[in-house]
Amino acid sequence: MPADATLLRRVIETAPQSRLDLDARRMNVGRAFELAQRVEGRHVGIVDDVMTTGATPEALARTLKAAGARRVTNFVALRTPKN
């Protein structure tokens, strides 16, 4: 399976997520990413080390789906506990 760490890029510098609540996190990263190449019809996997609220992978998936990705799967190594 090919991997490409440059498929997406951050185009807006955002505030650190650690002190924001879920809604603020979603707004913070909602439009922070853009595609560097075409994804129409492709199944794209996003690999992340730690997921807290899921706001970042949600923003990435929304960007990919809007660009025509057929499917987006998130692979996360660690999940922080919900409070």
N, C-alpha and C. Protein backbone atom coordinates (compact mmCIF):
# COMPACT_ATOMS: atom_id res chain seq x y z
N MET A 1 0.85 -1.16 0.00
CA MET A 1 0.00 0.00 0.00
C MET A 1 0.90 1.24 0.00
N PRO A 2 0.74 2.12 -0.96
CA PRO A 2 1.58 3.32 -1.01
C PRO A 2 1.23 4.29 0.12
N ALA A 3 2.23 4.98 0.61
CA ALA A 3 2.04 6.00 1.64
C ALA A 3 2.56 7.33 1.11
N ASP A 4 1.91 8.42 1.52
CA ASP A 4 2.34 9.74 1.08
C ASP A 4 2.08 10.74 2.18
N ALA A 5 3.14 11.12 2.88
CA ALA A 5 3.02 12.07 3.99
C ALA A 5 2.77 13.50 3.51
N THR A 6 2.78 13.72 2.20
CA THR A 6 2.57 15.07 1.67
C THR A 6 1.22 15.23 0.98
N LEU A 7 0.32 14.27 1.16
CA LEU A 7 -0.99 14.34 0.51
C LEU A 7 -1.79 15.56 0.97
N LEU A 8 -1.72 15.87 2.26
CA LEU A 8 -2.39 17.04 2.82
C LEU A 8 -1.34 17.97 3.41
N ARG A 9 -1.68 19.25 3.44
CA ARG A 9 -0.77 20.19 4.09
C ARG A 9 -1.58 21.21 4.88
N ARG A 10 -0.99 21.64 5.97
CA ARG A 10 -1.63 22.67 6.80
C ARG A 10 -1.38 24.02 6.13
N VAL A 11 -2.43 24.76 5.87
CA VAL A 11 -2.31 26.06 5.21
C VAL A 11 -2.63 27.22 6.14
N ILE A 12 -3.16 26.91 7.31
CA ILE A 12 -3.45 27.93 8.31
C ILE A 12 -2.80 27.49 9.63
N GLU A 13 -1.95 28.34 10.16
CA GLU A 13 -1.37 28.04 11.47
C GLU A 13 -2.47 28.22 12.52
N THR A 14 -2.68 27.19 13.33
CA THR A 14 -3.76 27.21 14.31
C THR A 14 -3.21 27.25 15.72
N ALA A 15 -4.07 27.64 16.65
CA ALA A 15 -3.70 27.63 18.06
C ALA A 15 -3.55 26.18 18.52
N PRO A 16 -2.74 25.93 19.55
CA PRO A 16 -2.64 24.56 20.09
C PRO A 16 -4.01 24.06 20.55
N GLN A 17 -4.31 22.80 20.29
CA GLN A 17 -5.61 22.23 20.59
C GLN A 17 -5.79 21.91 22.08
N SER A 18 -4.71 21.74 22.81
CA SER A 18 -4.75 21.15 24.15
C SER A 18 -5.66 21.88 25.14
N ARG A 19 -5.85 23.16 24.99
CA ARG A 19 -6.66 23.90 25.97
C ARG A 19 -8.03 24.31 25.44
N LEU A 20 -8.41 23.75 24.31
CA LEU A 20 -9.68 24.11 23.70
C LEU A 20 -10.71 23.01 23.92
N ASP A 21 -11.99 23.40 24.03
CA ASP A 21 -13.04 22.39 24.12
C ASP A 21 -13.35 21.88 22.71
N LEU A 22 -14.23 20.89 22.60
CA LEU A 22 -14.49 20.23 21.32
C LEU A 22 -14.93 21.20 20.24
N ASP A 23 -15.90 22.06 20.53
CA ASP A 23 -16.37 23.00 19.51
C ASP A 23 -15.26 23.95 19.05
N ALA A 24 -14.48 24.43 20.00
CA ALA A 24 -13.37 25.33 19.66
C ALA A 24 -12.32 24.59 18.84
N ARG A 25 -12.07 23.32 19.16
CA ARG A 25 -11.10 22.52 18.38
C ARG A 25 -11.57 22.36 16.94
N ARG A 26 -12.86 22.08 16.77
CA ARG A 26 -13.40 21.93 15.41
C ARG A 26 -13.25 23.21 14.61
N MET A 27 -13.55 24.33 15.24
CA MET A 27 -13.41 25.62 14.54
C MET A 27 -11.94 25.92 14.26
N ASN A 28 -11.07 25.55 15.18
CA ASN A 28 -9.65 25.84 15.08
C ASN A 28 -9.02 25.16 13.86
N VAL A 29 -9.39 23.92 13.60
CA VAL A 29 -8.76 23.17 12.49
C VAL A 29 -9.68 22.96 11.30
N GLY A 30 -10.88 23.48 11.36
CA GLY A 30 -11.89 23.23 10.33
C GLY A 30 -11.46 23.51 8.90
N ARG A 31 -10.68 24.56 8.69
CA ARG A 31 -10.24 24.92 7.33
C ARG A 31 -8.72 25.05 7.26
N ALA A 32 -8.04 24.33 8.13
CA ALA A 32 -6.59 24.46 8.24
C ALA A 32 -5.81 23.64 7.22
N PHE A 33 -6.49 22.74 6.48
CA PHE A 33 -5.79 21.82 5.59
C PHE A 33 -6.26 21.93 4.15
N GLU A 34 -5.36 21.62 3.23
CA GLU A 34 -5.73 21.52 1.81
C GLU A 34 -4.95 20.37 1.20
N LEU A 35 -5.46 19.91 0.07
CA LEU A 35 -4.82 18.78 -0.63
C LEU A 35 -3.66 19.23 -1.48
N ALA A 36 -2.66 18.38 -1.55
CA ALA A 36 -1.50 18.64 -2.40
C ALA A 36 -1.60 17.87 -3.72
N GLN A 37 -2.54 16.93 -3.79
CA GLN A 37 -2.76 16.16 -5.02
C GLN A 37 -4.18 15.62 -5.05
N ARG A 38 -4.57 15.05 -6.17
CA ARG A 38 -5.94 14.58 -6.37
C ARG A 38 -6.21 13.28 -5.62
N VAL A 39 -7.47 13.13 -5.16
CA VAL A 39 -7.85 11.93 -4.42
C VAL A 39 -9.17 11.33 -4.93
N GLU A 40 -9.69 11.82 -6.03
CA GLU A 40 -10.99 11.36 -6.52
C GLU A 40 -11.02 9.83 -6.62
N GLY A 41 -12.06 9.25 -6.00
CA GLY A 41 -12.28 7.82 -6.10
C GLY A 41 -11.36 6.95 -5.26
N ARG A 42 -10.45 7.55 -4.52
CA ARG A 42 -9.48 6.77 -3.75
C ARG A 42 -9.96 6.53 -2.32
N HIS A 43 -9.49 5.42 -1.74
CA HIS A 43 -9.67 5.14 -0.32
C HIS A 43 -8.40 5.62 0.36
N VAL A 44 -8.54 6.62 1.24
CA VAL A 44 -7.38 7.24 1.89
C VAL A 44 -7.37 6.89 3.37
N GLY A 45 -6.22 6.48 3.87
CA GLY A 45 -6.04 6.22 5.29
C GLY A 45 -5.26 7.35 5.93
N ILE A 46 -5.73 7.83 7.05
CA ILE A 46 -5.04 8.87 7.82
C ILE A 46 -4.43 8.18 9.03
N VAL A 47 -3.14 8.40 9.25
CA VAL A 47 -2.45 7.80 10.39
C VAL A 47 -2.13 8.91 11.39
N ASP A 48 -2.52 8.70 12.65
CA ASP A 48 -2.28 9.70 13.70
C ASP A 48 -1.74 8.99 14.93
N ASP A 49 -0.89 9.67 15.69
CA ASP A 49 -0.33 9.05 16.87
C ASP A 49 -1.30 9.04 18.05
N VAL A 50 -1.92 10.19 18.34
CA VAL A 50 -2.83 10.29 19.47
C VAL A 50 -4.07 11.07 19.05
N MET A 51 -5.24 10.57 19.45
CA MET A 51 -6.49 11.28 19.18
C MET A 51 -7.14 11.64 20.51
N THR A 52 -7.53 12.89 20.64
CA THR A 52 -8.21 13.32 21.85
C THR A 52 -9.70 13.48 21.57
N THR A 53 -10.08 14.53 20.87
CA THR A 53 -11.50 14.74 20.55
C THR A 53 -11.87 14.25 19.16
N GLY A 54 -10.88 14.07 18.30
CA GLY A 54 -11.15 13.68 16.93
C GLY A 54 -11.36 14.84 15.98
N ALA A 55 -11.17 16.07 16.45
CA ALA A 55 -11.41 17.25 15.62
C ALA A 55 -10.47 17.30 14.41
N THR A 56 -9.20 16.96 14.61
CA THR A 56 -8.25 17.02 13.49
C THR A 56 -8.54 15.95 12.45
N PRO A 57 -8.68 14.66 12.83
CA PRO A 57 -9.00 13.67 11.79
C PRO A 57 -10.34 13.95 11.11
N GLU A 58 -11.28 14.54 11.85
CA GLU A 58 -12.57 14.91 11.25
C GLU A 58 -12.37 15.98 10.19
N ALA A 59 -11.55 16.98 10.47
CA ALA A 59 -11.27 18.04 9.50
C ALA A 59 -10.54 17.49 8.28
N LEU A 60 -9.59 16.58 8.50
CA LEU A 60 -8.87 15.96 7.39
C LEU A 60 -9.81 15.13 6.53
N ALA A 61 -10.65 14.34 7.16
CA ALA A 61 -11.60 13.50 6.42
C ALA A 61 -12.58 14.36 5.62
N ARG A 62 -13.06 15.44 6.22
CA ARG A 62 -13.99 16.33 5.51
C ARG A 62 -13.32 16.94 4.28
N THR A 63 -12.06 17.33 4.42
CA THR A 63 -11.31 17.90 3.29
C THR A 63 -11.15 16.87 2.19
N LEU A 64 -10.80 15.64 2.55
CA LEU A 64 -10.61 14.57 1.57
C LEU A 64 -11.92 14.21 0.87
N LYS A 65 -13.01 14.07 1.64
CA LYS A 65 -14.30 13.71 1.05
C LYS A 65 -14.80 14.82 0.12
N ALA A 66 -14.60 16.07 0.50
CA ALA A 66 -15.03 17.19 -0.35
C ALA A 66 -14.27 17.20 -1.67
N ALA A 67 -13.06 16.64 -1.66
CA ALA A 67 -12.25 16.58 -2.87
C ALA A 67 -12.50 15.30 -3.67
N GLY A 68 -13.45 14.48 -3.22
CA GLY A 68 -13.83 13.31 -4.00
C GLY A 68 -13.29 11.98 -3.53
N ALA A 69 -12.65 11.93 -2.36
CA ALA A 69 -12.19 10.64 -1.84
C ALA A 69 -13.40 9.73 -1.66
N ARG A 70 -13.28 8.49 -2.09
CA ARG A 70 -14.36 7.53 -1.99
C ARG A 70 -14.60 7.12 -0.54
N ARG A 71 -13.51 6.97 0.21
CA ARG A 71 -13.60 6.52 1.59
C ARG A 71 -12.39 7.05 2.35
N VAL A 72 -12.58 7.36 3.64
CA VAL A 72 -11.49 7.82 4.50
C VAL A 72 -11.52 6.97 5.76
N THR A 73 -10.38 6.38 6.10
CA THR A 73 -10.24 5.57 7.30
C THR A 73 -9.17 6.18 8.19
N ASN A 74 -9.47 6.32 9.48
CA ASN A 74 -8.51 6.84 10.44
C ASN A 74 -7.85 5.68 11.19
N PHE A 75 -6.53 5.70 11.25
CA PHE A 75 -5.75 4.73 12.02
C PHE A 75 -5.08 5.51 13.14
N VAL A 76 -5.42 5.20 14.39
CA VAL A 76 -4.91 5.95 15.52
C VAL A 76 -4.20 4.99 16.48
N ALA A 77 -2.97 5.37 16.89
CA ALA A 77 -2.20 4.51 17.80
C ALA A 77 -2.75 4.57 19.22
N LEU A 78 -3.05 5.75 19.71
CA LEU A 78 -3.54 5.92 21.09
C LEU A 78 -4.73 6.86 21.12
N ARG A 79 -5.65 6.58 22.02
CA ARG A 79 -6.84 7.41 22.21
C ARG A 79 -6.84 7.88 23.65
N THR A 80 -6.92 9.18 23.87
CA THR A 80 -6.99 9.67 25.26
C THR A 80 -8.36 9.33 25.83
N PRO A 81 -8.41 9.07 27.13
CA PRO A 81 -9.72 8.71 27.73
C PRO A 81 -10.67 9.89 27.72
N LYS A 82 -11.95 9.58 27.57
CA LYS A 82 -12.98 10.62 27.64
C LYS A 82 -13.23 10.95 29.10
N ASN A 83 -13.45 12.24 29.37
CA ASN A 83 -13.72 12.64 30.78
C ASN A 83 -15.17 12.52 31.10
